[in-house]
Amino acid sequence: MHPHVTFNVQRRDRKAAEQELINMNADIAVVFEPELLTDFHILSVSKQPTYAIVSKDHELAGRKTIKLSECLEYPLALPTKQYGLRQILDRKADRAFYKLKPAIESDSFEFLRYKASLGKCITFQIEVGLPKDLSFMNMTAIKVDENDLPHGEVYVGQLKGRTLPVAAARFAQQLVSTLESD
């Protein structure tokens, strides 16, 4: 760590994150299922499986894997439509003629996990966004069968043609190394 170097980390949906690069308000973006990619210089891509998050008391809690259709029997707490995970869920539902009827929609994955921890509803999250230990939060994660719901992709990138400041370039290298080692 260097005492005169600081980083500002902002959470944005995928479209806004890409726009921050274009506007040069951000040096690096980490985007799940990007929309545009036209001005995005890709530094790394990593596949991300989807997990169903339920309370430890939920009747599905002991499962190792699950299909999306099995989750539809319970109230769903889903991210709003601007998020890549919701797009993946919606595409699967459309192809399989499922009806996704969320009981709750939110742009906060923390709120969605909290609601799932309280009872019967199910939420979803990609692996990189999961806390390492959900048990202390009264939750468990069940991997969604990848043959049923394909992995999404997390892209790390910068604006095409832009040379990053040294500190940002090193941070990007560390980020890429961390994502690729998992």
Protein backbone atom coordinates (compact mmCIF):
# COMPACT_ATOMS: atom_id res chain seq x y z
CA MET A 1 0.00 0.00 0.00
CA HIS A 2 1.14 3.49 -0.76
CA PRO A 3 -0.05 6.28 1.55
CA HIS A 4 -0.73 8.76 -1.26
CA VAL A 5 -2.71 6.37 -3.48
CA THR A 6 -6.41 5.91 -2.88
CA PHE A 7 -9.10 4.08 -4.81
CA ASN A 8 -12.75 4.94 -5.11
CA VAL A 9 -14.91 1.88 -5.77
CA GLN A 10 -18.44 2.54 -7.04
CA ARG A 11 -21.21 0.03 -7.69
CA ARG A 12 -23.03 0.55 -10.97
CA ASP A 13 -25.25 -1.58 -13.15
CA ARG A 14 -23.53 -2.89 -16.25
CA LYS A 15 -24.61 -0.14 -18.65
CA ALA A 16 -23.64 2.63 -16.20
CA ALA A 17 -20.27 0.99 -15.50
CA GLU A 18 -19.44 0.95 -19.20
CA GLN A 19 -20.57 4.58 -19.51
CA GLU A 20 -18.27 5.58 -16.64
CA LEU A 21 -15.31 4.28 -18.69
CA ILE A 22 -16.43 6.19 -21.78
CA ASN A 23 -16.85 9.39 -19.74
CA MET A 24 -13.40 8.76 -18.21
CA ASN A 25 -14.90 8.85 -14.71
CA ALA A 26 -13.46 5.38 -14.08
CA ASP A 27 -10.17 3.75 -14.96
CA ILE A 28 -11.34 0.14 -14.67
CA ALA A 29 -14.71 -1.58 -14.79
CA VAL A 30 -15.75 -5.01 -13.60
CA VAL A 31 -18.92 -5.88 -15.50
CA PHE A 32 -21.09 -8.98 -15.37
CA GLU A 33 -22.63 -9.68 -18.77
CA PRO A 34 -21.75 -6.34 -20.41
CA GLU A 35 -24.12 -4.74 -22.91
CA LEU A 36 -21.90 -2.84 -25.34
CA LEU A 37 -18.20 -3.78 -25.28
CA THR A 38 -17.53 -1.45 -28.24
CA ASP A 39 -15.27 0.86 -26.21
CA PHE A 40 -14.18 -1.81 -23.73
CA HIS A 41 -10.63 -3.17 -23.82
CA ILE A 42 -10.95 -6.59 -22.16
CA LEU A 43 -8.27 -7.44 -19.61
CA SER A 44 -9.91 -10.63 -18.35
CA VAL A 45 -13.03 -12.77 -18.66
CA SER A 46 -14.08 -15.30 -16.04
CA LYS A 47 -17.06 -17.63 -16.06
CA GLN A 48 -19.44 -17.28 -13.15
CA PRO A 49 -21.95 -19.94 -12.11
CA THR A 50 -25.27 -18.91 -10.58
CA TYR A 51 -26.33 -19.91 -7.08
CA ALA A 52 -29.78 -20.00 -5.51
CA ILE A 53 -29.62 -18.45 -2.04
CA VAL A 54 -32.03 -19.75 0.59
CA SER A 55 -32.30 -19.66 4.36
CA LYS A 56 -30.72 -22.59 6.23
CA ASP A 57 -34.26 -23.57 7.25
CA HIS A 58 -35.62 -23.66 3.69
CA GLU A 59 -36.76 -27.08 2.51
CA LEU A 60 -34.26 -26.92 -0.40
CA ALA A 61 -31.31 -25.99 1.85
CA GLY A 62 -29.64 -29.41 1.79
CA ARG A 63 -29.41 -29.63 -1.98
CA LYS A 64 -26.07 -29.50 -3.82
CA THR A 65 -27.56 -28.42 -7.17
CA ILE A 66 -30.93 -27.21 -8.36
CA LYS A 67 -32.75 -26.37 -11.59
CA LEU A 68 -34.39 -23.01 -12.16
CA SER A 69 -37.79 -24.69 -12.64
CA GLU A 70 -37.58 -26.08 -9.08
CA CYS A 71 -37.06 -22.57 -7.73
CA LEU A 72 -40.23 -21.31 -9.39
CA GLU A 73 -42.32 -23.16 -6.80
CA TYR A 74 -41.24 -20.58 -4.20
CA PRO A 75 -41.44 -16.78 -3.94
CA LEU A 76 -38.56 -15.17 -5.82
CA ALA A 77 -36.48 -12.17 -4.76
CA LEU A 78 -34.87 -11.02 -8.01
CA PRO A 79 -32.48 -8.29 -9.07
CA THR A 80 -33.96 -5.58 -11.26
CA LYS A 81 -33.82 -5.95 -15.02
CA GLN A 82 -30.75 -3.77 -15.59
CA TYR A 83 -28.50 -6.39 -13.95
CA GLY A 84 -26.82 -9.11 -16.00
CA LEU A 85 -27.97 -11.88 -13.67
CA ARG A 86 -31.59 -10.92 -14.21
CA GLN A 87 -31.00 -10.95 -17.97
CA ILE A 88 -29.65 -14.52 -17.74
CA LEU A 89 -32.64 -15.61 -15.64
CA ASP A 90 -35.09 -13.91 -17.99
CA ARG A 91 -33.49 -15.48 -21.11
CA LYS A 92 -33.72 -18.94 -19.56
CA ALA A 93 -37.33 -18.34 -18.52
CA ASP A 94 -38.26 -17.13 -22.02
CA ARG A 95 -36.59 -20.10 -23.74
CA ALA A 96 -38.20 -22.62 -21.38
CA PHE A 97 -41.58 -20.83 -21.32
CA TYR A 98 -41.34 -20.24 -17.56
CA LYS A 99 -43.03 -17.31 -15.92
CA LEU A 100 -40.74 -15.42 -13.53
CA LYS A 101 -43.00 -13.67 -11.04
CA PRO A 102 -40.81 -11.97 -8.46
CA ALA A 103 -42.34 -11.34 -5.06
CA ILE A 104 -39.56 -8.77 -4.55
CA GLU A 105 -37.33 -6.88 -6.99
CA SER A 106 -34.38 -4.80 -5.86
CA ASP A 107 -31.14 -3.32 -7.16
CA SER A 108 -29.49 -4.34 -3.87
CA PHE A 109 -28.11 -7.88 -3.72
CA GLU A 110 -27.55 -7.40 0.01
CA PHE A 111 -31.26 -6.68 0.49
CA LEU A 112 -32.22 -9.69 -1.63
CA ARG A 113 -29.96 -11.97 0.44
CA TYR A 114 -31.43 -10.51 3.62
CA LYS A 115 -34.98 -11.27 2.44
CA ALA A 116 -33.96 -14.84 1.55
CA SER A 117 -32.40 -15.29 5.00
CA LEU A 118 -35.78 -14.57 6.62
CA GLY A 119 -37.78 -17.39 5.17
CA LYS A 120 -39.31 -18.97 2.13
CA CYS A 121 -38.10 -16.81 -0.76
CA ILE A 122 -35.20 -17.65 -3.06
CA THR A 123 -32.75 -15.20 -4.54
CA PHE A 124 -29.84 -15.69 -6.93
CA GLN A 125 -26.27 -14.52 -7.07
CA ILE A 126 -23.14 -15.23 -9.06
CA GLU A 127 -20.16 -16.83 -7.37
CA VAL A 128 -17.94 -13.73 -7.27
CA GLY A 129 -20.63 -11.81 -5.35
CA LEU A 130 -21.20 -14.44 -2.68
CA PRO A 131 -19.82 -13.93 0.81
CA LYS A 132 -17.36 -16.75 1.63
CA ASP A 133 -19.45 -17.93 4.58
CA LEU A 134 -23.22 -17.59 4.42
CA SER A 135 -23.92 -19.74 7.48
CA PHE A 136 -23.55 -16.91 9.99
CA MET A 137 -26.22 -15.04 8.01
CA ASN A 138 -28.64 -18.01 8.25
CA MET A 139 -28.26 -18.77 4.52
CA THR A 140 -26.89 -21.38 2.20
CA ALA A 141 -26.03 -21.35 -1.50
CA ILE A 142 -27.18 -24.04 -3.94
CA LYS A 143 -25.44 -24.17 -7.30
CA VAL A 144 -27.86 -23.89 -10.21
CA ASP A 145 -27.22 -26.76 -12.62
CA GLU A 146 -25.00 -25.34 -15.38
CA ASN A 147 -26.73 -27.56 -17.96
CA ASP A 148 -29.97 -25.80 -17.01
CA LEU A 149 -28.67 -22.24 -16.63
CA PRO A 150 -25.39 -21.44 -18.39
CA HIS A 151 -22.61 -19.57 -16.63
CA GLY A 152 -22.43 -15.83 -17.07
CA GLU A 153 -19.18 -13.94 -17.61
CA VAL A 154 -17.43 -11.24 -15.61
CA TYR A 155 -15.30 -8.89 -17.68
CA VAL A 156 -12.54 -6.69 -16.31
CA GLY A 157 -11.63 -3.92 -18.68
CA GLN A 158 -10.64 -0.38 -19.39
CA LEU A 159 -11.48 2.15 -22.08
CA LYS A 160 -9.99 1.20 -25.47
CA GLY A 161 -6.93 3.27 -26.34
CA ARG A 162 -6.49 4.68 -22.84
CA THR A 163 -3.25 4.24 -20.93
CA LEU A 164 -4.00 3.68 -17.28
CA PRO A 165 -2.16 5.48 -14.50
CA VAL A 166 0.45 3.17 -12.91
CA ALA A 167 -1.55 2.62 -9.69
CA ALA A 168 -4.73 1.77 -11.62
CA ALA A 169 -2.83 -0.59 -13.94
CA ARG A 170 -1.34 -2.45 -10.96
CA PHE A 171 -4.72 -2.62 -9.27
CA ALA A 172 -6.21 -4.04 -12.48
CA GLN A 173 -3.44 -6.68 -12.59
CA GLN A 174 -4.18 -7.70 -8.99
CA LEU A 175 -7.89 -7.86 -9.70
CA VAL A 176 -7.38 -10.02 -12.78
CA SER A 177 -5.04 -12.34 -10.86
CA THR A 178 -7.58 -12.73 -8.08
CA LEU A 179 -10.46 -13.49 -10.45
CA GLU A 180 -8.41 -15.93 -12.49
CA SER A 181 -7.15 -17.80 -9.40
CA ASP A 182 -10.66 -18.56 -8.11
